[in-house]
Amino acid sequence: MFAVYASTFSSDDPLSGLVLGDLPEPELPDGWVRVRLKAASLNHHDLWSLRGVGLREEALPMILGCDAAGIDEDGNEVVVHAVISSPDWTGDETLDPSRSLLSEKHPGTFAETVMVPRRNVVPKPQSLSFEEAACLPTAWLTAYRMLFTQGGLKAGDTVLVQGAGGGVATALIVLGRAAGLRVLATSRDEAKRSRALEIGAHEVFESGARLPVKVDAVMETVGRATWSHSIRSLRPGGSLVISGTTSGPKLDDAELTRIFFLQLRVQGSTMGTRSELASLVSLLDATGSRPLIDRTLPLSEARDGFAAMAQGDVFGKIVFTL
């Protein structure tokens, strides 16, 4: 079958290990189902995999991709949940110490056929296209969990989204607006600030700018570059929810004094559960809100999508189709 996969690792030139070609279709494990791919979306996770982060050399060649939507063996239109938990795990699968994402231990979604545990398929409503649905399982699910599960936000609350432009950040803006939150967003780039307004942010600011109000929560995916600003933007008792550190994990000043004195809450967040994915799908179906797609490419042109993400030339999601 045709697939997009990692053959080698390179931290300096990750695309050098990217291959587009045929691989044997893997055997179907017991309790798993095949999904015929219609669309899949690209994540930074896929670039990190090509750098050898989170992927073992002995697992190569590894089909990349976490997100997919397609048609299952019974002809149903489905969204694929990317978190693979242990077969006997019960409860929140993101807390399973043995969990993995598709493309880490098991072949990913950038192929003609995707295989997942039967419990990992969620019905896709007719109101969502395959391209839109393929954006949801990683970035959009991460954003949903950050806002509503870990952040505990409700209509009328004010939230700050740091680093508008990336897949998670754009999802946070759209979902926050759909849920009745007051959404503030930052970016170093003027064009990205303008786009953030277009997709639902109420106000936008340059990175590090003083805000007119203290916010109930900050959604943090940048890390070192925005951490102090995030802490200083919170009201007393507010929450910072972090799901990534794209500018680096090390901090010059963790702002510990401000955190304890203002009784701030710092909450980590990783991916989401099957039930949260189903709730996210229902929210979009009910509200008409849709994922922001930067571009759509045939899977055979996936290298162009990887190159655009590596260069940072993206606002929203890159989607591959079959």
C-alpha atoms as a PDB file:
ATOM      1  CA  MET A   1       0.000   0.000   0.000  1.00  0.00           C
ATOM      2  CA  PHE A   2       1.099   3.611  -0.567  1.00  0.00           C
ATOM      3  CA  ALA A   3       2.377   5.279   2.602  1.00  0.00           C
ATOM      4  CA  VAL A   4       4.390   8.222   3.914  1.00  0.00           C
ATOM      5  CA  TYR A   5       6.981   6.991   6.377  1.00  0.00           C
ATOM      6  CA  ALA A   6      10.190   7.688   8.278  1.00  0.00           C
ATOM      7  CA  SER A   7      13.168   5.634   7.105  1.00  0.00           C
ATOM      8  CA  THR A   8      15.950   7.401   9.031  1.00  0.00           C
ATOM      9  CA  PHE A   9      16.373  10.184  11.605  1.00  0.00           C
ATOM     10  CA  SER A  10      18.093  13.554  11.235  1.00  0.00           C
ATOM     11  CA  SER A  11      17.890  16.397  13.740  1.00  0.00           C
ATOM     12  CA  ASP A  12      19.361  18.894  11.243  1.00  0.00           C
ATOM     13  CA  ASP A  13      17.507  17.801   8.099  1.00  0.00           C
ATOM     14  CA  PRO A  14      14.409  15.859   9.186  1.00  0.00           C
ATOM     15  CA  LEU A  15      12.929  15.679   5.693  1.00  0.00           C
ATOM     16  CA  SER A  16      15.926  13.655   4.500  1.00  0.00           C
ATOM     17  CA  GLY A  17      14.426  10.588   6.168  1.00  0.00           C
ATOM     18  CA  LEU A  18      10.930  11.091   4.734  1.00  0.00           C
ATOM     19  CA  VAL A  19       9.905   8.505   2.124  1.00  0.00           C
ATOM     20  CA  LEU A  20       6.787   8.311  -0.040  1.00  0.00           C
ATOM     21  CA  GLY A  21       6.310   4.828  -1.427  1.00  0.00           C
ATOM     22  CA  ASP A  22       4.857   1.370  -1.039  1.00  0.00           C
ATOM     23  CA  LEU A  23       5.013  -0.725   2.129  1.00  0.00           C
ATOM     24  CA  PRO A  24       3.431  -4.098   2.915  1.00  0.00           C
ATOM     25  CA  GLU A  25       0.073  -3.735   4.657  1.00  0.00           C
ATOM     26  CA  PRO A  26       0.554  -4.774   8.323  1.00  0.00           C
ATOM     27  CA  GLU A  27      -1.353  -7.703   9.772  1.00  0.00           C
ATOM     28  CA  LEU A  28      -4.533  -6.811  11.645  1.00  0.00           C
ATOM     29  CA  PRO A  29      -4.236  -7.506  15.416  1.00  0.00           C
ATOM     30  CA  ASP A  30      -7.148  -9.087  17.254  1.00  0.00           C
ATOM     31  CA  GLY A  31      -9.734  -6.516  18.286  1.00  0.00           C
ATOM     32  CA  TRP A  32      -8.517  -3.964  15.720  1.00  0.00           C
ATOM     33  CA  VAL A  33     -10.284  -2.656  12.609  1.00  0.00           C
ATOM     34  CA  ARG A  34      -9.145  -1.320   9.253  1.00  0.00           C
ATOM     35  CA  VAL A  35     -10.149   2.194   8.218  1.00  0.00           C
ATOM     36  CA  ARG A  36      -9.853   3.220   4.577  1.00  0.00           C
ATOM     37  CA  LEU A  37      -8.238   6.635   4.649  1.00  0.00           C
ATOM     38  CA  LYS A  38     -10.046   9.611   3.178  1.00  0.00           C
ATOM     39  CA  ALA A  39      -8.087  12.423   4.872  1.00  0.00           C
ATOM     40  CA  ALA A  40      -5.272  12.859   7.396  1.00  0.00           C
ATOM     41  CA  SER A  41      -3.717  15.970   8.929  1.00  0.00           C
ATOM     42  CA  LEU A  42      -0.125  16.883   9.697  1.00  0.00           C
ATOM     43  CA  ASN A  43       1.188  17.690  13.181  1.00  0.00           C
ATOM     44  CA  HIS A  44       4.503  18.901  14.589  1.00  0.00           C
ATOM     45  CA  HIS A  45       4.685  15.435  16.138  1.00  0.00           C
ATOM     46  CA  ASP A  46       5.409  14.085  12.642  1.00  0.00           C
ATOM     47  CA  LEU A  47       8.394  16.407  12.206  1.00  0.00           C
ATOM     48  CA  TRP A  48       9.710  15.474  15.652  1.00  0.00           C
ATOM     49  CA  SER A  49       9.436  11.813  14.700  1.00  0.00           C
ATOM     50  CA  LEU A  50      11.714  12.445  11.719  1.00  0.00           C
ATOM     51  CA  ARG A  51      14.196  13.951  14.181  1.00  0.00           C
ATOM     52  CA  GLY A  52      14.075  10.764  16.254  1.00  0.00           C
ATOM     53  CA  VAL A  53      12.033  12.203  19.143  1.00  0.00           C
ATOM     54  CA  GLY A  54       9.547   9.702  20.578  1.00  0.00           C
ATOM     55  CA  LEU A  55      10.340   7.103  17.927  1.00  0.00           C
ATOM     56  CA  ARG A  56      12.859   4.287  18.328  1.00  0.00           C
ATOM     57  CA  GLU A  57      15.273   3.426  15.536  1.00  0.00           C
ATOM     58  CA  GLU A  58      14.323  -0.253  15.739  1.00  0.00           C
ATOM     59  CA  ALA A  59      10.729   0.741  14.863  1.00  0.00           C
ATOM     60  CA  LEU A  60      11.793   2.058  11.431  1.00  0.00           C
ATOM     61  CA  PRO A  61      10.406   2.184   8.836  1.00  0.00           C
ATOM     62  CA  MET A  62       7.424   3.786  10.580  1.00  0.00           C
ATOM     63  CA  ILE A  63       4.340   5.151   8.836  1.00  0.00           C
ATOM     64  CA  LEU A  64       3.833   8.695  10.126  1.00  0.00           C
ATOM     65  CA  GLY A  65       0.624  10.491  11.033  1.00  0.00           C
ATOM     66  CA  CYS A  66      -1.651  10.643  14.091  1.00  0.00           C
ATOM     67  CA  ASP A  67      -4.880  12.048  12.677  1.00  0.00           C
ATOM     68  CA  ALA A  68      -7.310  10.475  10.225  1.00  0.00           C
ATOM     69  CA  ALA A  69     -10.880  10.240   9.050  1.00  0.00           C
ATOM     70  CA  GLY A  70     -12.164   7.562   6.752  1.00  0.00           C
ATOM     71  CA  ILE A  71     -14.516   4.635   6.246  1.00  0.00           C
ATOM     72  CA  ASP A  72     -14.482   1.553   8.467  1.00  0.00           C
ATOM     73  CA  GLU A  73     -15.027  -2.056   7.410  1.00  0.00           C
ATOM     74  CA  ASP A  74     -18.798  -1.685   7.844  1.00  0.00           C
ATOM     75  CA  GLY A  75     -18.986   1.371   5.591  1.00  0.00           C
ATOM     76  CA  ASN A  76     -19.349   3.885   8.431  1.00  0.00           C
ATOM     77  CA  GLU A  77     -17.727   7.316   8.230  1.00  0.00           C
ATOM     78  CA  VAL A  78     -15.455   7.630  11.253  1.00  0.00           C
ATOM     79  CA  VAL A  79     -12.828   9.753  12.986  1.00  0.00           C
ATOM     80  CA  VAL A  80      -9.780   7.905  14.326  1.00  0.00           C
ATOM     81  CA  HIS A  81      -8.733   8.454  17.953  1.00  0.00           C
ATOM     82  CA  ALA A  82      -4.917   8.542  18.014  1.00  0.00           C
ATOM     83  CA  VAL A  83      -4.212   7.523  21.642  1.00  0.00           C
ATOM     84  CA  ILE A  84      -3.542   3.784  21.871  1.00  0.00           C
ATOM     85  CA  SER A  85      -3.914   2.557  25.450  1.00  0.00           C
ATOM     86  CA  SER A  86      -3.223  -0.868  26.904  1.00  0.00           C
ATOM     87  CA  PRO A  87      -5.979  -3.401  26.089  1.00  0.00           C
ATOM     88  CA  ASP A  88      -6.867  -3.827  29.766  1.00  0.00           C
ATOM     89  CA  TRP A  89      -6.682  -0.116  30.675  1.00  0.00           C
ATOM     90  CA  THR A  90      -9.852   1.472  32.048  1.00  0.00           C
ATOM     91  CA  GLY A  91     -10.558   5.154  32.643  1.00  0.00           C
ATOM     92  CA  ASP A  92      -8.725   8.142  31.145  1.00  0.00           C
ATOM     93  CA  GLU A  93      -6.439   6.642  28.510  1.00  0.00           C
ATOM     94  CA  THR A  94      -4.141   9.697  28.574  1.00  0.00           C
ATOM     95  CA  LEU A  95      -3.026   8.572  32.062  1.00  0.00           C
ATOM     96  CA  ASP A  96      -2.039   5.057  30.968  1.00  0.00           C
ATOM     97  CA  PRO A  97       1.767   4.840  31.485  1.00  0.00           C
ATOM     98  CA  SER A  98       1.978   2.503  28.474  1.00  0.00           C
ATOM     99  CA  ARG A  99      -0.077   4.649  26.125  1.00  0.00           C
ATOM    100  CA  SER A 100       1.297   5.775  22.790  1.00  0.00           C
ATOM    101  CA  LEU A 101       0.192   7.775  19.788  1.00  0.00           C
ATOM    102  CA  LEU A 102      -0.252   6.261  16.376  1.00  0.00           C
ATOM    103  CA  SER A 103       3.127   6.352  14.558  1.00  0.00           C
ATOM    104  CA  GLU A 104       5.114   5.731  17.769  1.00  0.00           C
ATOM    105  CA  LYS A 105       4.614   1.998  18.379  1.00  0.00           C
ATOM    106  CA  HIS A 106       1.941   1.284  15.780  1.00  0.00           C
ATOM    107  CA  PRO A 107       1.787   2.369  12.100  1.00  0.00           C
ATOM    108  CA  GLY A 108       0.357   5.850  11.642  1.00  0.00           C
ATOM    109  CA  THR A 109      -2.339   7.364   9.465  1.00  0.00           C
ATOM    110  CA  PHE A 110      -0.451   8.505   6.346  1.00  0.00           C
ATOM    111  CA  ALA A 111      -1.351   5.408   4.348  1.00  0.00           C
ATOM    112  CA  GLU A 112      -4.152   3.985   2.256  1.00  0.00           C
ATOM    113  CA  THR A 113      -5.299   1.876   5.217  1.00  0.00           C
ATOM    114  CA  VAL A 114      -5.142   2.735   8.925  1.00  0.00           C
ATOM    115  CA  MET A 115      -5.484   0.113  11.667  1.00  0.00           C
ATOM    116  CA  VAL A 116      -6.694   0.934  15.193  1.00  0.00           C
ATOM    117  CA  PRO A 117      -8.411  -0.795  18.122  1.00  0.00           C
ATOM    118  CA  ARG A 118     -12.149  -1.020  17.487  1.00  0.00           C
ATOM    119  CA  ARG A 119     -12.795   1.288  20.466  1.00  0.00           C
ATOM    120  CA  ASN A 120     -10.692   4.000  18.766  1.00  0.00           C
ATOM    121  CA  VAL A 121     -13.194   4.924  16.064  1.00  0.00           C
ATOM    122  CA  VAL A 122     -15.726   7.698  16.662  1.00  0.00           C
ATOM    123  CA  PRO A 123     -18.702   8.297  14.317  1.00  0.00           C
ATOM    124  CA  LYS A 124     -18.267  11.242  11.955  1.00  0.00           C
ATOM    125  CA  PRO A 125     -21.394  13.356  11.429  1.00  0.00           C
ATOM    126  CA  GLN A 126     -22.440  14.203   7.885  1.00  0.00           C
ATOM    127  CA  SER A 127     -22.042  17.908   8.703  1.00  0.00           C
ATOM    128  CA  LEU A 128     -18.242  17.531   8.870  1.00  0.00           C
ATOM    129  CA  SER A 129     -16.192  16.848   5.758  1.00  0.00           C
ATOM    130  CA  PHE A 130     -13.482  14.197   5.905  1.00  0.00           C
ATOM    131  CA  GLU A 131     -10.881  16.976   5.670  1.00  0.00           C
ATOM    132  CA  GLU A 132     -12.396  18.833   8.628  1.00  0.00           C
ATOM    133  CA  ALA A 133     -12.785  15.673  10.688  1.00  0.00           C
ATOM    134  CA  ALA A 134      -9.155  14.709  10.063  1.00  0.00           C
ATOM    135  CA  CYS A 135      -8.025  17.878  11.873  1.00  0.00           C
ATOM    136  CA  LEU A 136      -9.619  16.883  15.169  1.00  0.00           C
ATOM    137  CA  PRO A 137      -7.870  13.924  16.880  1.00  0.00           C
ATOM    138  CA  THR A 138      -4.635  15.659  17.921  1.00  0.00           C
ATOM    139  CA  ALA A 139      -4.559  19.484  17.829  1.00  0.00           C
ATOM    140  CA  TRP A 140      -8.290  20.085  18.219  1.00  0.00           C
ATOM    141  CA  LEU A 141      -8.744  17.401  20.844  1.00  0.00           C
ATOM    142  CA  THR A 142      -5.772  18.843  22.745  1.00  0.00           C
ATOM    143  CA  ALA A 143      -7.410  22.279  22.631  1.00  0.00           C
ATOM    144  CA  TYR A 144     -10.795  20.934  23.754  1.00  0.00           C
ATOM    145  CA  ARG A 145      -9.288  19.204  26.789  1.00  0.00           C
ATOM    146  CA  MET A 146      -7.186  22.270  27.668  1.00  0.00           C
ATOM    147  CA  LEU A 147     -10.172  24.614  27.678  1.00  0.00           C
ATOM    148  CA  PHE A 148     -12.961  22.558  29.189  1.00  0.00           C
ATOM    149  CA  THR A 149     -11.478  19.607  31.097  1.00  0.00           C
ATOM    150  CA  GLN A 150      -8.208  20.934  32.478  1.00  0.00           C
ATOM    151  CA  GLY A 151      -9.079  24.647  32.334  1.00  0.00           C
ATOM    152  CA  GLY A 152     -12.664  24.210  33.559  1.00  0.00           C
ATOM    153  CA  LEU A 153     -13.715  27.278  31.578  1.00  0.00           C
ATOM    154  CA  LYS A 154     -17.332  28.255  31.039  1.00  0.00           C
ATOM    155  CA  ALA A 155     -19.237  30.837  29.024  1.00  0.00           C
ATOM    156  CA  GLY A 156     -18.309  34.367  30.056  1.00  0.00           C
ATOM    157  CA  ASP A 157     -14.767  33.532  31.213  1.00  0.00           C
ATOM    158  CA  THR A 158     -11.776  35.269  29.651  1.00  0.00           C
ATOM    159  CA  VAL A 159      -8.937  33.210  28.176  1.00  0.00           C
ATOM    160  CA  LEU A 160      -5.571  34.182  26.695  1.00  0.00           C
ATOM    161  CA  VAL A 161      -4.185  32.053  23.851  1.00  0.00           C
ATOM    162  CA  GLN A 162      -0.437  32.435  23.394  1.00  0.00           C
ATOM    163  CA  GLY A 163       1.161  32.102  19.958  1.00  0.00           C
ATOM    164  CA  ALA A 164      -1.779  32.340  17.556  1.00  0.00           C
ATOM    165  CA  GLY A 165      -1.117  30.495  14.308  1.00  0.00           C
ATOM    166  CA  GLY A 166      -0.330  26.909  15.215  1.00  0.00           C
ATOM    167  CA  GLY A 167      -2.857  24.100  14.990  1.00  0.00           C
ATOM    168  CA  VAL A 168      -3.610  23.968  18.729  1.00  0.00           C
ATOM    169  CA  ALA A 169      -3.728  27.761  19.073  1.00  0.00           C
ATOM    170  CA  THR A 170      -6.173  28.237  16.203  1.00  0.00           C
ATOM    171  CA  ALA A 171      -8.334  25.446  17.636  1.00  0.00           C
ATOM    172  CA  LEU A 172      -8.308  27.158  21.038  1.00  0.00           C
ATOM    173  CA  ILE A 173      -9.506  30.406  19.481  1.00  0.00           C
ATOM    174  CA  VAL A 174     -12.326  28.847  17.449  1.00  0.00           C
ATOM    175  CA  LEU A 175     -13.523  26.547  20.240  1.00  0.00           C
ATOM    176  CA  GLY A 176     -13.282  29.271  22.872  1.00  0.00           C
ATOM    177  CA  ARG A 177     -15.399  31.629  20.801  1.00  0.00           C
ATOM    178  CA  ALA A 178     -17.922  28.874  20.027  1.00  0.00           C
ATOM    179  CA  ALA A 179     -18.304  28.150  23.753  1.00  0.00           C
ATOM    180  CA  GLY A 180     -18.967  31.772  24.714  1.00  0.00           C
ATOM    181  CA  LEU A 181     -15.539  32.633  26.128  1.00  0.00           C
ATOM    182  CA  ARG A 182     -13.900  36.029  25.714  1.00  0.00           C
ATOM    183  CA  VAL A 183     -10.796  35.152  23.715  1.00  0.00           C
ATOM    184  CA  LEU A 184      -7.579  37.183  23.711  1.00  0.00           C
ATOM    185  CA  ALA A 185      -4.633  36.062  21.581  1.00  0.00           C
ATOM    186  CA  THR A 186      -0.995  36.985  21.013  1.00  0.00           C
ATOM    187  CA  SER A 187       1.466  36.618  18.155  1.00  0.00           C
ATOM    188  CA  ARG A 188       4.736  38.188  17.084  1.00  0.00           C
ATOM    189  CA  ASP A 189       3.397  38.289  13.520  1.00  0.00           C
ATOM    190  CA  GLU A 190       0.955  41.033  12.484  1.00  0.00           C
ATOM    191  CA  ALA A 191      -0.617  38.887   9.764  1.00  0.00           C
ATOM    192  CA  LYS A 192      -1.273  36.075  12.243  1.00  0.00           C
ATOM    193  CA  ARG A 193      -2.845  38.548  14.676  1.00  0.00           C
ATOM    194  CA  SER A 194      -5.189  39.669  11.913  1.00  0.00           C
ATOM    195  CA  ARG A 195      -6.099  36.076  11.085  1.00  0.00           C
ATOM    196  CA  ALA A 196      -6.743  35.385  14.767  1.00  0.00           C
ATOM    197  CA  LEU A 197      -9.356  38.155  14.758  1.00  0.00           C
ATOM    198  CA  GLU A 198     -10.940  36.694  11.647  1.00  0.00           C
ATOM    199  CA  ILE A 199     -11.396  33.251  13.206  1.00  0.00           C
ATOM    200  CA  GLY A 200     -12.887  34.473  16.488  1.00  0.00           C
ATOM    201  CA  ALA A 201     -10.458  36.239  18.819  1.00  0.00           C
ATOM    202  CA  HIS A 202     -12.035  39.312  20.440  1.00  0.00           C
ATOM    203  CA  GLU A 203      -8.711  41.138  20.825  1.00  0.00           C
ATOM    204  CA  VAL A 204      -5.131  40.453  19.720  1.00  0.00           C
ATOM    205  CA  PHE A 205      -1.801  41.710  21.046  1.00  0.00           C
ATOM    206  CA  GLU A 206       1.882  41.524  20.286  1.00  0.00           C
ATOM    207  CA  SER A 207       3.680  38.819  22.237  1.00  0.00           C
ATOM    208  CA  GLY A 208       4.514  40.110  25.718  1.00  0.00           C
ATOM    209  CA  ALA A 209       2.213  43.141  25.536  1.00  0.00           C
ATOM    210  CA  ARG A 210       0.412  44.275  28.679  1.00  0.00           C
ATOM    211  CA  LEU A 211      -3.213  43.201  28.560  1.00  0.00           C
ATOM    212  CA  PRO A 212      -6.132  45.505  29.482  1.00  0.00           C
ATOM    213  CA  VAL A 213      -7.535  42.868  31.877  1.00  0.00           C
ATOM    214  CA  LYS A 214      -6.330  39.943  33.936  1.00  0.00           C
ATOM    215  CA  VAL A 215      -7.601  36.673  32.496  1.00  0.00           C
ATOM    216  CA  ASP A 216      -9.217  33.618  34.078  1.00  0.00           C
ATOM    217  CA  ALA A 217      -6.909  31.212  32.235  1.00  0.00           C
ATOM    218  CA  VAL A 218      -3.972  31.127  29.830  1.00  0.00           C
ATOM    219  CA  MET A 219      -3.546  28.419  27.215  1.00  0.00           C
ATOM    220  CA  GLU A 220       0.193  27.867  26.850  1.00  0.00           C
ATOM    221  CA  THR A 221       1.893  25.899  24.063  1.00  0.00           C
ATOM    222  CA  VAL A 222       4.993  28.069  23.548  1.00  0.00           C
ATOM    223  CA  GLY A 223       6.896  27.613  26.811  1.00  0.00           C
ATOM    224  CA  ARG A 224      10.013  29.594  27.622  1.00  0.00           C
ATOM    225  CA  ALA A 225       9.335  32.602  25.372  1.00  0.00           C
ATOM    226  CA  THR A 226       5.887  33.382  26.808  1.00  0.00           C
ATOM    227  CA  TRP A 227       5.908  31.811  30.291  1.00  0.00           C
ATOM    228  CA  SER A 228       6.456  34.976  32.352  1.00  0.00           C
ATOM    229  CA  HIS A 229       3.877  36.871  30.324  1.00  0.00           C
ATOM    230  CA  SER A 230       1.387  34.039  30.853  1.00  0.00           C
ATOM    231  CA  ILE A 231       1.861  34.054  34.627  1.00  0.00           C
ATOM    232  CA  ARG A 232       1.650  37.855  34.838  1.00  0.00           C
ATOM    233  CA  SER A 233      -1.560  37.912  32.771  1.00  0.00           C
ATOM    234  CA  LEU A 234      -3.559  35.770  35.200  1.00  0.00           C
ATOM    235  CA  ARG A 235      -5.994  37.036  37.815  1.00  0.00           C
ATOM    236  CA  PRO A 236      -5.514  35.804  41.386  1.00  0.00           C
ATOM    237  CA  GLY A 237      -6.604  32.163  41.493  1.00  0.00           C
ATOM    238  CA  GLY A 238      -6.348  31.827  37.705  1.00  0.00           C
ATOM    239  CA  SER A 239      -5.090  28.818  35.763  1.00  0.00           C
ATOM    240  CA  LEU A 240      -2.321  28.241  33.273  1.00  0.00           C
ATOM    241  CA  VAL A 241      -2.839  25.136  31.136  1.00  0.00           C
ATOM    242  CA  ILE A 242       0.220  23.930  29.242  1.00  0.00           C
ATOM    243  CA  SER A 243       0.367  21.317  26.491  1.00  0.00           C
ATOM    244  CA  GLY A 244       3.614  22.179  24.725  1.00  0.00           C
ATOM    245  CA  THR A 245       6.935  24.014  24.823  1.00  0.00           C
ATOM    246  CA  THR A 246       7.717  24.918  21.221  1.00  0.00           C
ATOM    247  CA  SER A 247      10.215  27.620  22.271  1.00  0.00           C
ATOM    248  CA  GLY A 248      12.030  25.299  24.669  1.00  0.00           C
ATOM    249  CA  PRO A 249      11.311  23.656  28.031  1.00  0.00           C
ATOM    250  CA  LYS A 250      13.899  25.440  30.198  1.00  0.00           C
ATOM    251  CA  LEU A 251      12.935  28.607  32.092  1.00  0.00           C
ATOM    252  CA  ASP A 252      15.116  31.482  33.244  1.00  0.00           C
ATOM    253  CA  ASP A 253      12.468  32.392  35.845  1.00  0.00           C
ATOM    254  CA  ALA A 254       9.570  30.107  36.690  1.00  0.00           C
ATOM    255  CA  GLU A 255       7.765  32.953  38.499  1.00  0.00           C
ATOM    256  CA  LEU A 256       7.324  30.739  41.572  1.00  0.00           C
ATOM    257  CA  THR A 257       6.779  33.648  43.954  1.00  0.00           C
ATOM    258  CA  ARG A 258       3.951  35.028  41.847  1.00  0.00           C
ATOM    259  CA  ILE A 259       2.446  31.530  41.464  1.00  0.00           C
ATOM    260  CA  PHE A 260       2.190  30.840  45.191  1.00  0.00           C
ATOM    261  CA  PHE A 261       1.317  34.395  46.262  1.00  0.00           C
ATOM    262  CA  LEU A 262      -1.547  34.700  43.762  1.00  0.00           C
ATOM    263  CA  GLN A 263      -2.543  31.053  44.299  1.00  0.00           C
ATOM    264  CA  LEU A 264      -2.280  30.301  40.614  1.00  0.00           C
ATOM    265  CA  ARG A 265      -2.857  26.848  39.198  1.00  0.00           C
ATOM    266  CA  VAL A 266      -0.482  25.315  36.641  1.00  0.00           C
ATOM    267  CA  GLN A 267      -2.026  22.333  34.880  1.00  0.00           C
ATOM    268  CA  GLY A 268      -0.414  20.040  32.318  1.00  0.00           C
ATOM    269  CA  SER A 269      -2.541  18.646  29.522  1.00  0.00           C
ATOM    270  CA  THR A 270      -1.866  15.941  26.943  1.00  0.00           C
ATOM    271  CA  MET A 271      -4.154  14.934  24.086  1.00  0.00           C
ATOM    272  CA  GLY A 272      -7.612  13.756  25.192  1.00  0.00           C
ATOM    273  CA  THR A 273      -9.922  10.804  25.647  1.00  0.00           C
ATOM    274  CA  ARG A 274     -12.279   9.041  23.247  1.00  0.00           C
ATOM    275  CA  SER A 275     -15.272  10.533  25.061  1.00  0.00           C
ATOM    276  CA  GLU A 276     -13.753  14.029  24.757  1.00  0.00           C
ATOM    277  CA  LEU A 277     -13.209  13.458  21.025  1.00  0.00           C
ATOM    278  CA  ALA A 278     -16.862  12.460  20.698  1.00  0.00           C
ATOM    279  CA  SER A 279     -17.893  15.591  22.634  1.00  0.00           C
ATOM    280  CA  LEU A 280     -15.685  17.761  20.414  1.00  0.00           C
ATOM    281  CA  VAL A 281     -17.293  16.288  17.290  1.00  0.00           C
ATOM    282  CA  SER A 282     -20.740  16.952  18.766  1.00  0.00           C
ATOM    283  CA  LEU A 283     -19.802  20.556  19.631  1.00  0.00           C
ATOM    284  CA  LEU A 284     -18.739  21.278  16.058  1.00  0.00           C
ATOM    285  CA  ASP A 285     -21.807  19.537  14.678  1.00  0.00           C
ATOM    286  CA  ALA A 286     -24.092  21.624  16.903  1.00  0.00           C
ATOM    287  CA  THR A 287     -22.407  25.026  16.545  1.00  0.00           C
ATOM    288  CA  GLY A 288     -21.274  24.946  12.920  1.00  0.00           C
ATOM    289  CA  SER A 289     -17.741  25.907  13.960  1.00  0.00           C
ATOM    290  CA  ARG A 290     -15.101  24.308  11.779  1.00  0.00           C
ATOM    291  CA  PRO A 291     -11.359  23.630  11.873  1.00  0.00           C
ATOM    292  CA  LEU A 292      -9.202  26.131  10.037  1.00  0.00           C
ATOM    293  CA  ILE A 293      -7.431  24.405   7.143  1.00  0.00           C
ATOM    294  CA  ASP A 294      -4.282  26.096   5.847  1.00  0.00           C
ATOM    295  CA  ARG A 295      -4.031  23.901   2.742  1.00  0.00           C
ATOM    296  CA  THR A 296      -5.127  20.545   1.358  1.00  0.00           C
ATOM    297  CA  LEU A 297      -2.713  18.338  -0.587  1.00  0.00           C
ATOM    298  CA  PRO A 298      -2.863  14.839  -2.077  1.00  0.00           C
ATOM    299  CA  LEU A 299      -1.010  12.333   0.102  1.00  0.00           C
ATOM    300  CA  SER A 300       1.370  11.878  -2.832  1.00  0.00           C
ATOM    301  CA  GLU A 301       2.502  15.501  -2.287  1.00  0.00           C
ATOM    302  CA  ALA A 302       2.995  15.144   1.469  1.00  0.00           C
ATOM    303  CA  ARG A 303       6.614  16.293   1.253  1.00  0.00           C
ATOM    304  CA  ASP A 304       5.404  19.805   0.343  1.00  0.00           C
ATOM    305  CA  GLY A 305       3.250  19.873   3.486  1.00  0.00           C
ATOM    306  CA  PHE A 306       6.131  18.750   5.694  1.00  0.00           C
ATOM    307  CA  ALA A 307       8.369  21.439   4.158  1.00  0.00           C
ATOM    308  CA  ALA A 308       5.787  24.165   4.825  1.00  0.00           C
ATOM    309  CA  MET A 309       5.435  23.113   8.465  1.00  0.00           C
ATOM    310  CA  ALA A 310       9.221  22.962   8.903  1.00  0.00           C
ATOM    311  CA  GLN A 311       9.470  26.535   7.574  1.00  0.00           C
ATOM    312  CA  GLY A 312       6.646  27.780   9.830  1.00  0.00           C
ATOM    313  CA  ASP A 313       4.601  28.832   6.789  1.00  0.00           C
ATOM    314  CA  VAL A 314       1.281  27.645   8.266  1.00  0.00           C
ATOM    315  CA  PHE A 315      -1.865  29.105   9.833  1.00  0.00           C
ATOM    316  CA  GLY A 316      -4.187  26.274  10.717  1.00  0.00           C
ATOM    317  CA  LYS A 317      -3.955  22.643   9.629  1.00  0.00           C
ATOM    318  CA  ILE A 318      -2.296  20.968   6.646  1.00  0.00           C
ATOM    319  CA  VAL A 319      -4.488  18.130   5.388  1.00  0.00           C
ATOM    320  CA  PHE A 320      -3.585  15.226   3.104  1.00  0.00           C
ATOM    321  CA  THR A 321      -6.293  13.456   1.082  1.00  0.00           C
ATOM    322  CA  LEU A 322      -6.764  10.212  -0.795  1.00  0.00           C
END
